[in-house]
Amino acid sequence: MKNKHTLRTIIVDDEEPALALLREFLSTHEEVEIVAECRNGYEAVKAIGDYKPDLVILDIQMPKLNGFEVLELIDHQPAVIFATAHDQYAIKAFEIHAMDYLLKPFSKHRLDEAIEELIENLDKKKRIKVHELASDARMKLLPLERILVKDGPAVHIIPAEKVDFIKAEDDYISIRTEGKSYLKKARIYSLEKELDGKTFVRIHRSYILNIERIAKIELYSKDSRIAILKDGTKLPVSRAGYEKLKRLL
């Protein structure tokens, strides 16, 4: 942390009364400095990038971007105290990672306990990798209904059904949708597990295809074919990929 005695903190909740309560509870903590208050996930992603806080107190259930999606989009890794209603998937993820959380409605005493435990863990350098926790929680909510892409200060939300195909590019993937391509840092095999297997097929080591976009499949060589999409795009299809397609088409 920048200062051993100060936790530069961002609080995030889409409800103003919840922010006001956090503000009141935290006012007795001299070690906590609130540097930003955010009312939605977009504001949180930007604020975390701008302020690089030591601590984020983060609501999980928010419209547009939920708390786990916020964590997916940030590069800076602060300590996080989660606030959640009765969300069994979120709570299970917290317990697996031995992560403390606040179950709404929570008392000032409960928040005090969470902050004290967090400070103790920071001193012992036991910071949890929040990206891993967010990934585990997201896996419980499959198949993936949308893909999030951070593009500078902007966040693109791409509905899964609007994706034409996905191409692997080293540590990144290129997502093709409605005539545009978006680059996201992710591995294609991870996304393959998260998408609906009845609609998205790994047709090649470098491609996942939305089968709704296929116009026809043609033989290319003895062991491979090409998929011709409705917009004329041609994609390679391996032998294994063709077998998968035959089972679905």
C-alpha atoms as a PDB file:
ATOM      1  CA  MET A   1       0.000   0.000   0.000  1.00  0.00           C
ATOM      2  CA  LYS A   2       1.077   3.609  -0.546  1.00  0.00           C
ATOM      3  CA  ASN A   3       0.713   4.395   3.176  1.00  0.00           C
ATOM      4  CA  LYS A   4       0.914   1.745   5.846  1.00  0.00           C
ATOM      5  CA  HIS A   5      -1.702   3.493   7.978  1.00  0.00           C
ATOM      6  CA  THR A   6      -4.203   4.475   5.291  1.00  0.00           C
ATOM      7  CA  LEU A   7      -6.482   2.311   3.178  1.00  0.00           C
ATOM      8  CA  ARG A   8      -7.404   4.299   0.080  1.00  0.00           C
ATOM      9  CA  THR A   9     -10.902   2.963  -0.457  1.00  0.00           C
ATOM     10  CA  ILE A  10     -13.586   2.939  -3.147  1.00  0.00           C
ATOM     11  CA  ILE A  11     -17.148   2.034  -2.187  1.00  0.00           C
ATOM     12  CA  VAL A  12     -19.483   0.659  -4.848  1.00  0.00           C
ATOM     13  CA  ASP A  13     -23.247   0.166  -4.622  1.00  0.00           C
ATOM     14  CA  ASP A  14     -26.112   1.046  -6.947  1.00  0.00           C
ATOM     15  CA  GLU A  15     -28.323   2.151  -4.041  1.00  0.00           C
ATOM     16  CA  GLU A  16     -27.703   5.555  -2.460  1.00  0.00           C
ATOM     17  CA  PRO A  17     -28.892   4.483   1.045  1.00  0.00           C
ATOM     18  CA  ALA A  18     -26.301   1.675   0.991  1.00  0.00           C
ATOM     19  CA  LEU A  19     -23.535   4.123   0.054  1.00  0.00           C
ATOM     20  CA  ALA A  20     -24.662   6.495   2.798  1.00  0.00           C
ATOM     21  CA  LEU A  21     -24.580   3.675   5.348  1.00  0.00           C
ATOM     22  CA  LEU A  22     -21.074   2.627   4.279  1.00  0.00           C
ATOM     23  CA  ARG A  23     -19.962   6.247   4.485  1.00  0.00           C
ATOM     24  CA  GLU A  24     -21.332   6.483   8.026  1.00  0.00           C
ATOM     25  CA  PHE A  25     -19.856   3.167   9.177  1.00  0.00           C
ATOM     26  CA  LEU A  26     -16.432   3.959   7.706  1.00  0.00           C
ATOM     27  CA  SER A  27     -16.282   7.455   9.215  1.00  0.00           C
ATOM     28  CA  THR A  28     -15.063   5.957  12.514  1.00  0.00           C
ATOM     29  CA  HIS A  29     -12.112   4.246  10.808  1.00  0.00           C
ATOM     30  CA  GLU A  30      -9.166   6.649  10.751  1.00  0.00           C
ATOM     31  CA  GLU A  31      -7.245   4.171   8.625  1.00  0.00           C
ATOM     32  CA  VAL A  32      -9.842   4.335   5.823  1.00  0.00           C
ATOM     33  CA  GLU A  33      -9.875   7.177   3.288  1.00  0.00           C
ATOM     34  CA  ILE A  34     -12.766   7.076   0.803  1.00  0.00           C
ATOM     35  CA  VAL A  35     -11.316   8.286  -2.511  1.00  0.00           C
ATOM     36  CA  ALA A  36     -14.361   7.543  -4.694  1.00  0.00           C
ATOM     37  CA  GLU A  37     -17.990   6.461  -4.515  1.00  0.00           C
ATOM     38  CA  CYS A  38     -19.484   4.566  -7.451  1.00  0.00           C
ATOM     39  CA  ARG A  39     -23.115   3.846  -8.236  1.00  0.00           C
ATOM     40  CA  ASN A  40     -22.646   1.300 -11.011  1.00  0.00           C
ATOM     41  CA  GLY A  41     -20.117  -1.101 -12.453  1.00  0.00           C
ATOM     42  CA  TYR A  42     -18.948   1.240 -15.209  1.00  0.00           C
ATOM     43  CA  GLU A  43     -18.057   3.938 -12.694  1.00  0.00           C
ATOM     44  CA  ALA A  44     -16.272   1.330 -10.576  1.00  0.00           C
ATOM     45  CA  VAL A  45     -14.089   0.050 -13.426  1.00  0.00           C
ATOM     46  CA  LYS A  46     -13.016   3.605 -14.286  1.00  0.00           C
ATOM     47  CA  ALA A  47     -12.446   4.658 -10.668  1.00  0.00           C
ATOM     48  CA  ILE A  48     -10.373   1.571  -9.846  1.00  0.00           C
ATOM     49  CA  GLY A  49      -8.220   2.251 -12.905  1.00  0.00           C
ATOM     50  CA  ASP A  50      -7.836   5.937 -12.038  1.00  0.00           C
ATOM     51  CA  TYR A  51      -7.269   5.732  -8.276  1.00  0.00           C
ATOM     52  CA  LYS A  52      -5.672   2.273  -7.915  1.00  0.00           C
ATOM     53  CA  PRO A  53      -7.128   1.902  -4.411  1.00  0.00           C
ATOM     54  CA  ASP A  54      -5.944  -0.368  -1.637  1.00  0.00           C
ATOM     55  CA  LEU A  55      -9.491  -1.512  -0.875  1.00  0.00           C
ATOM     56  CA  VAL A  56     -12.789  -1.777  -2.734  1.00  0.00           C
ATOM     57  CA  ILE A  57     -16.041  -2.484  -0.898  1.00  0.00           C
ATOM     58  CA  LEU A  58     -18.053  -3.940  -3.743  1.00  0.00           C
ATOM     59  CA  ASP A  59     -21.720  -4.765  -4.140  1.00  0.00           C
ATOM     60  CA  ILE A  60     -22.308  -7.919  -6.191  1.00  0.00           C
ATOM     61  CA  GLN A  61     -25.875  -7.452  -7.426  1.00  0.00           C
ATOM     62  CA  MET A  62     -25.857  -4.401  -9.693  1.00  0.00           C
ATOM     63  CA  PRO A  63     -27.537  -3.725 -13.049  1.00  0.00           C
ATOM     64  CA  LYS A  64     -25.502  -3.541 -16.281  1.00  0.00           C
ATOM     65  CA  LEU A  65     -22.256  -4.798 -14.713  1.00  0.00           C
ATOM     66  CA  ASN A  66     -22.314  -6.918 -11.567  1.00  0.00           C
ATOM     67  CA  GLY A  67     -19.490  -7.027  -9.055  1.00  0.00           C
ATOM     68  CA  PHE A  68     -17.801 -10.080 -10.541  1.00  0.00           C
ATOM     69  CA  GLU A  69     -17.857  -8.516 -14.009  1.00  0.00           C
ATOM     70  CA  VAL A  70     -16.189  -5.423 -12.575  1.00  0.00           C
ATOM     71  CA  LEU A  71     -13.350  -7.616 -11.294  1.00  0.00           C
ATOM     72  CA  GLU A  72     -13.036  -9.267 -14.697  1.00  0.00           C
ATOM     73  CA  LEU A  73     -12.409  -5.891 -16.338  1.00  0.00           C
ATOM     74  CA  ILE A  74      -9.852  -4.334 -13.986  1.00  0.00           C
ATOM     75  CA  ASP A  75      -6.072  -4.611 -14.231  1.00  0.00           C
ATOM     76  CA  HIS A  76      -5.233  -3.267 -10.768  1.00  0.00           C
ATOM     77  CA  GLN A  77      -5.816  -5.810  -7.991  1.00  0.00           C
ATOM     78  CA  PRO A  78      -7.015  -4.158  -4.785  1.00  0.00           C
ATOM     79  CA  ALA A  79      -8.131  -5.953  -1.680  1.00  0.00           C
ATOM     80  CA  VAL A  80     -11.891  -6.492  -1.882  1.00  0.00           C
ATOM     81  CA  ILE A  81     -14.662  -6.792   0.676  1.00  0.00           C
ATOM     82  CA  PHE A  82     -17.793  -8.059  -1.046  1.00  0.00           C
ATOM     83  CA  ALA A  83     -21.324  -7.119  -0.090  1.00  0.00           C
ATOM     84  CA  THR A  84     -24.063  -9.459  -1.250  1.00  0.00           C
ATOM     85  CA  ALA A  85     -27.655 -10.423  -0.682  1.00  0.00           C
ATOM     86  CA  HIS A  86     -28.535 -14.126  -0.450  1.00  0.00           C
ATOM     87  CA  ASP A  87     -26.599 -15.229  -3.530  1.00  0.00           C
ATOM     88  CA  GLN A  88     -25.708 -18.892  -3.044  1.00  0.00           C
ATOM     89  CA  TYR A  89     -23.241 -19.016  -5.947  1.00  0.00           C
ATOM     90  CA  ALA A  90     -21.353 -15.943  -4.755  1.00  0.00           C
ATOM     91  CA  ILE A  91     -21.255 -17.157  -1.162  1.00  0.00           C
ATOM     92  CA  LYS A  92     -19.933 -20.562  -2.259  1.00  0.00           C
ATOM     93  CA  ALA A  93     -17.140 -18.862  -4.226  1.00  0.00           C
ATOM     94  CA  PHE A  94     -16.203 -16.742  -1.206  1.00  0.00           C
ATOM     95  CA  GLU A  95     -16.044 -19.804   1.038  1.00  0.00           C
ATOM     96  CA  ILE A  96     -13.906 -21.776  -1.423  1.00  0.00           C
ATOM     97  CA  HIS A  97     -11.351 -18.947  -1.498  1.00  0.00           C
ATOM     98  CA  ALA A  98     -11.602 -18.228   2.251  1.00  0.00           C
ATOM     99  CA  MET A  99     -12.752 -14.732   1.319  1.00  0.00           C
ATOM    100  CA  ASP A 100     -14.664 -12.618   3.804  1.00  0.00           C
ATOM    101  CA  TYR A 101     -17.936 -11.051   2.701  1.00  0.00           C
ATOM    102  CA  LEU A 102     -20.775  -8.940   4.078  1.00  0.00           C
ATOM    103  CA  LEU A 103     -24.261 -10.418   3.914  1.00  0.00           C
ATOM    104  CA  LYS A 104     -26.829  -7.645   3.504  1.00  0.00           C
ATOM    105  CA  PRO A 105     -28.165  -6.122   5.653  1.00  0.00           C
ATOM    106  CA  PHE A 106     -24.979  -5.993   7.741  1.00  0.00           C
ATOM    107  CA  SER A 107     -24.146  -4.142  10.960  1.00  0.00           C
ATOM    108  CA  LYS A 108     -21.313  -1.729  11.671  1.00  0.00           C
ATOM    109  CA  HIS A 109     -19.789  -4.361  13.940  1.00  0.00           C
ATOM    110  CA  ARG A 110     -19.717  -6.839  11.043  1.00  0.00           C
ATOM    111  CA  LEU A 111     -18.031  -4.304   8.747  1.00  0.00           C
ATOM    112  CA  ASP A 112     -15.508  -3.495  11.488  1.00  0.00           C
ATOM    113  CA  GLU A 113     -14.656  -7.200  11.749  1.00  0.00           C
ATOM    114  CA  ALA A 114     -14.166  -7.490   7.991  1.00  0.00           C
ATOM    115  CA  ILE A 115     -11.839  -4.487   7.870  1.00  0.00           C
ATOM    116  CA  GLU A 116      -9.803  -5.700  10.844  1.00  0.00           C
ATOM    117  CA  GLU A 117      -9.401  -9.124   9.257  1.00  0.00           C
ATOM    118  CA  LEU A 118      -8.469  -7.587   5.930  1.00  0.00           C
ATOM    119  CA  ILE A 119      -5.781  -5.387   7.508  1.00  0.00           C
ATOM    120  CA  GLU A 120      -4.356  -8.412   9.295  1.00  0.00           C
ATOM    121  CA  ASN A 121      -4.246 -10.368   6.040  1.00  0.00           C
ATOM    122  CA  LEU A 122      -2.636  -7.478   4.175  1.00  0.00           C
ATOM    123  CA  ASP A 123       0.096  -7.312   6.805  1.00  0.00           C
ATOM    124  CA  LYS A 124       0.674 -11.029   6.306  1.00  0.00           C
ATOM    125  CA  LYS A 125       0.621 -10.544   2.520  1.00  0.00           C
ATOM    126  CA  LYS A 126      -2.259 -12.973   2.111  1.00  0.00           C
ATOM    127  CA  ARG A 127      -4.094 -11.017  -0.553  1.00  0.00           C
ATOM    128  CA  ILE A 128      -6.585 -13.116  -2.489  1.00  0.00           C
ATOM    129  CA  LYS A 129      -6.432 -13.038  -6.284  1.00  0.00           C
ATOM    130  CA  VAL A 130      -9.842 -11.562  -6.949  1.00  0.00           C
ATOM    131  CA  HIS A 131      -9.702 -12.417 -10.652  1.00  0.00           C
ATOM    132  CA  GLU A 132      -9.613 -16.118  -9.767  1.00  0.00           C
ATOM    133  CA  LEU A 133     -12.554 -15.760  -7.415  1.00  0.00           C
ATOM    134  CA  ALA A 134     -14.569 -13.873 -10.036  1.00  0.00           C
ATOM    135  CA  SER A 135     -13.813 -16.563 -12.592  1.00  0.00           C
ATOM    136  CA  ASP A 136     -14.967 -19.314 -10.241  1.00  0.00           C
ATOM    137  CA  ALA A 137     -18.199 -17.469  -9.479  1.00  0.00           C
ATOM    138  CA  ARG A 138     -18.847 -16.848 -13.169  1.00  0.00           C
ATOM    139  CA  MET A 139     -18.439 -20.548 -13.960  1.00  0.00           C
ATOM    140  CA  LYS A 140     -21.491 -21.235 -11.777  1.00  0.00           C
ATOM    141  CA  LEU A 141     -23.655 -19.068 -14.028  1.00  0.00           C
ATOM    142  CA  LEU A 142     -22.975 -20.758 -17.352  1.00  0.00           C
ATOM    143  CA  PRO A 143     -23.577 -20.760 -20.218  1.00  0.00           C
ATOM    144  CA  LEU A 144     -22.180 -17.304 -20.740  1.00  0.00           C
ATOM    145  CA  GLU A 145     -24.850 -14.891 -21.953  1.00  0.00           C
ATOM    146  CA  ARG A 146     -22.534 -12.003 -22.796  1.00  0.00           C
ATOM    147  CA  ILE A 147     -18.868 -11.199 -23.266  1.00  0.00           C
ATOM    148  CA  LEU A 148     -17.274  -8.102 -21.747  1.00  0.00           C
ATOM    149  CA  VAL A 149     -14.467  -6.279 -23.534  1.00  0.00           C
ATOM    150  CA  LYS A 150     -12.550  -3.341 -22.051  1.00  0.00           C
ATOM    151  CA  ASP A 151     -11.404  -0.861 -24.698  1.00  0.00           C
ATOM    152  CA  GLY A 152      -9.557   1.969 -22.971  1.00  0.00           C
ATOM    153  CA  PRO A 153     -12.138   3.732 -20.792  1.00  0.00           C
ATOM    154  CA  ALA A 154     -15.018   2.082 -22.675  1.00  0.00           C
ATOM    155  CA  VAL A 155     -16.635  -1.265 -21.878  1.00  0.00           C
ATOM    156  CA  HIS A 156     -18.334  -3.192 -24.673  1.00  0.00           C
ATOM    157  CA  ILE A 157     -21.033  -5.694 -23.713  1.00  0.00           C
ATOM    158  CA  ILE A 158     -21.500  -8.245 -26.493  1.00  0.00           C
ATOM    159  CA  PRO A 159     -24.535 -10.557 -26.229  1.00  0.00           C
ATOM    160  CA  ALA A 160     -23.424 -14.127 -26.948  1.00  0.00           C
ATOM    161  CA  GLU A 161     -26.085 -14.638 -29.613  1.00  0.00           C
ATOM    162  CA  LYS A 162     -24.628 -11.737 -31.620  1.00  0.00           C
ATOM    163  CA  VAL A 163     -21.151 -13.268 -31.822  1.00  0.00           C
ATOM    164  CA  ASP A 164     -20.294 -14.622 -35.283  1.00  0.00           C
ATOM    165  CA  PHE A 165     -17.015 -16.306 -34.413  1.00  0.00           C
ATOM    166  CA  ILE A 166     -14.026 -16.047 -32.097  1.00  0.00           C
ATOM    167  CA  LYS A 167     -10.407 -16.322 -33.202  1.00  0.00           C
ATOM    168  CA  ALA A 168      -7.419 -17.105 -30.989  1.00  0.00           C
ATOM    169  CA  GLU A 169      -4.530 -14.648 -31.231  1.00  0.00           C
ATOM    170  CA  ASP A 170      -1.803 -15.729 -28.786  1.00  0.00           C
ATOM    171  CA  ASP A 171      -2.912 -14.603 -25.294  1.00  0.00           C
ATOM    172  CA  TYR A 172      -5.884 -12.757 -26.769  1.00  0.00           C
ATOM    173  CA  ILE A 173      -9.077 -13.564 -28.600  1.00  0.00           C
ATOM    174  CA  SER A 174     -10.684 -11.597 -31.410  1.00  0.00           C
ATOM    175  CA  ILE A 175     -14.480 -11.521 -31.181  1.00  0.00           C
ATOM    176  CA  ARG A 176     -16.312 -10.919 -34.458  1.00  0.00           C
ATOM    177  CA  THR A 177     -19.786  -9.444 -34.153  1.00  0.00           C
ATOM    178  CA  GLU A 178     -21.968  -7.379 -36.471  1.00  0.00           C
ATOM    179  CA  GLY A 179     -19.096  -6.555 -38.816  1.00  0.00           C
ATOM    180  CA  LYS A 180     -16.689  -5.468 -36.069  1.00  0.00           C
ATOM    181  CA  SER A 181     -13.871  -7.180 -34.190  1.00  0.00           C
ATOM    182  CA  TYR A 182     -13.033  -6.703 -30.511  1.00  0.00           C
ATOM    183  CA  LEU A 183      -9.802  -7.839 -28.864  1.00  0.00           C
ATOM    184  CA  LYS A 184      -9.954  -9.326 -25.363  1.00  0.00           C
ATOM    185  CA  LYS A 185      -7.196 -10.797 -23.221  1.00  0.00           C
ATOM    186  CA  ALA A 186      -8.396 -14.365 -22.731  1.00  0.00           C
ATOM    187  CA  ARG A 187      -7.607 -17.911 -23.819  1.00  0.00           C
ATOM    188  CA  ILE A 188      -9.871 -19.503 -26.385  1.00  0.00           C
ATOM    189  CA  TYR A 189     -10.096 -22.793 -24.478  1.00  0.00           C
ATOM    190  CA  SER A 190     -11.417 -20.976 -21.402  1.00  0.00           C
ATOM    191  CA  LEU A 191     -14.131 -19.233 -23.389  1.00  0.00           C
ATOM    192  CA  GLU A 192     -15.039 -22.495 -25.104  1.00  0.00           C
ATOM    193  CA  LYS A 193     -15.972 -23.948 -21.693  1.00  0.00           C
ATOM    194  CA  GLU A 194     -18.164 -20.969 -20.849  1.00  0.00           C
ATOM    195  CA  LEU A 195     -20.200 -20.627 -24.048  1.00  0.00           C
ATOM    196  CA  ASP A 196     -23.296 -22.676 -24.877  1.00  0.00           C
ATOM    197  CA  GLY A 197     -22.032 -25.868 -26.536  1.00  0.00           C
ATOM    198  CA  LYS A 198     -25.258 -26.233 -28.512  1.00  0.00           C
ATOM    199  CA  THR A 199     -24.578 -22.988 -30.352  1.00  0.00           C
ATOM    200  CA  PHE A 200     -20.808 -22.470 -30.261  1.00  0.00           C
ATOM    201  CA  VAL A 201     -18.426 -25.095 -31.628  1.00  0.00           C
ATOM    202  CA  ARG A 202     -14.631 -25.234 -31.593  1.00  0.00           C
ATOM    203  CA  ILE A 203     -14.223 -25.939 -35.307  1.00  0.00           C
ATOM    204  CA  HIS A 204     -10.446 -25.503 -35.309  1.00  0.00           C
ATOM    205  CA  ARG A 205      -7.712 -24.964 -32.736  1.00  0.00           C
ATOM    206  CA  SER A 206      -7.940 -21.237 -33.474  1.00  0.00           C
ATOM    207  CA  TYR A 207     -11.686 -20.773 -34.026  1.00  0.00           C
ATOM    208  CA  ILE A 208     -15.004 -21.018 -32.201  1.00  0.00           C
ATOM    209  CA  LEU A 209     -18.011 -20.629 -34.493  1.00  0.00           C
ATOM    210  CA  ASN A 210     -21.637 -19.714 -33.891  1.00  0.00           C
ATOM    211  CA  ILE A 211     -23.370 -22.422 -35.940  1.00  0.00           C
ATOM    212  CA  GLU A 212     -26.282 -20.078 -36.656  1.00  0.00           C
ATOM    213  CA  ARG A 213     -23.933 -18.161 -38.975  1.00  0.00           C
ATOM    214  CA  ILE A 214     -23.085 -21.123 -41.229  1.00  0.00           C
ATOM    215  CA  ALA A 215     -24.259 -20.973 -44.850  1.00  0.00           C
ATOM    216  CA  LYS A 216     -22.470 -24.124 -46.018  1.00  0.00           C
ATOM    217  CA  ILE A 217     -19.430 -26.322 -45.447  1.00  0.00           C
ATOM    218  CA  GLU A 218     -17.150 -27.289 -48.312  1.00  0.00           C
ATOM    219  CA  LEU A 219     -14.312 -29.777 -48.661  1.00  0.00           C
ATOM    220  CA  TYR A 220     -10.939 -28.015 -48.686  1.00  0.00           C
ATOM    221  CA  SER A 221      -8.487 -30.916 -48.570  1.00  0.00           C
ATOM    222  CA  LYS A 222      -8.476 -34.571 -47.607  1.00  0.00           C
ATOM    223  CA  ASP A 223      -8.535 -33.860 -43.873  1.00  0.00           C
ATOM    224  CA  SER A 224     -10.068 -30.406 -43.682  1.00  0.00           C
ATOM    225  CA  ARG A 225     -13.012 -28.314 -44.753  1.00  0.00           C
ATOM    226  CA  ILE A 226     -14.006 -24.687 -44.742  1.00  0.00           C
ATOM    227  CA  ALA A 227     -17.109 -23.148 -43.248  1.00  0.00           C
ATOM    228  CA  ILE A 228     -18.602 -20.417 -45.396  1.00  0.00           C
ATOM    229  CA  LEU A 229     -20.625 -17.993 -43.319  1.00  0.00           C
ATOM    230  CA  LYS A 230     -23.713 -16.090 -44.408  1.00  0.00           C
ATOM    231  CA  ASP A 231     -21.623 -12.934 -44.844  1.00  0.00           C
ATOM    232  CA  GLY A 232     -19.126 -14.774 -47.056  1.00  0.00           C
ATOM    233  CA  THR A 233     -16.396 -15.204 -44.431  1.00  0.00           C
ATOM    234  CA  LYS A 234     -14.441 -18.455 -44.782  1.00  0.00           C
ATOM    235  CA  LEU A 235     -13.103 -20.270 -41.721  1.00  0.00           C
ATOM    236  CA  PRO A 236     -10.988 -23.445 -41.512  1.00  0.00           C
ATOM    237  CA  VAL A 237     -12.642 -26.568 -40.126  1.00  0.00           C
ATOM    238  CA  SER A 238     -10.451 -29.392 -38.808  1.00  0.00           C
ATOM    239  CA  ARG A 239     -11.433 -33.042 -38.961  1.00  0.00           C
ATOM    240  CA  ALA A 240     -12.361 -33.022 -35.262  1.00  0.00           C
ATOM    241  CA  GLY A 241     -14.264 -29.775 -35.751  1.00  0.00           C
ATOM    242  CA  TYR A 242     -16.235 -31.262 -38.618  1.00  0.00           C
ATOM    243  CA  GLU A 243     -17.246 -34.241 -36.481  1.00  0.00           C
ATOM    244  CA  LYS A 244     -18.562 -31.848 -33.841  1.00  0.00           C
ATOM    245  CA  LEU A 245     -20.535 -29.928 -36.456  1.00  0.00           C
ATOM    246  CA  LYS A 246     -22.078 -33.108 -37.860  1.00  0.00           C
ATOM    247  CA  ARG A 247     -23.468 -33.949 -34.439  1.00  0.00           C
ATOM    248  CA  LEU A 248     -25.203 -30.583 -34.193  1.00  0.00           C
ATOM    249  CA  LEU A 249     -26.288 -29.814 -37.754  1.00  0.00           C
END
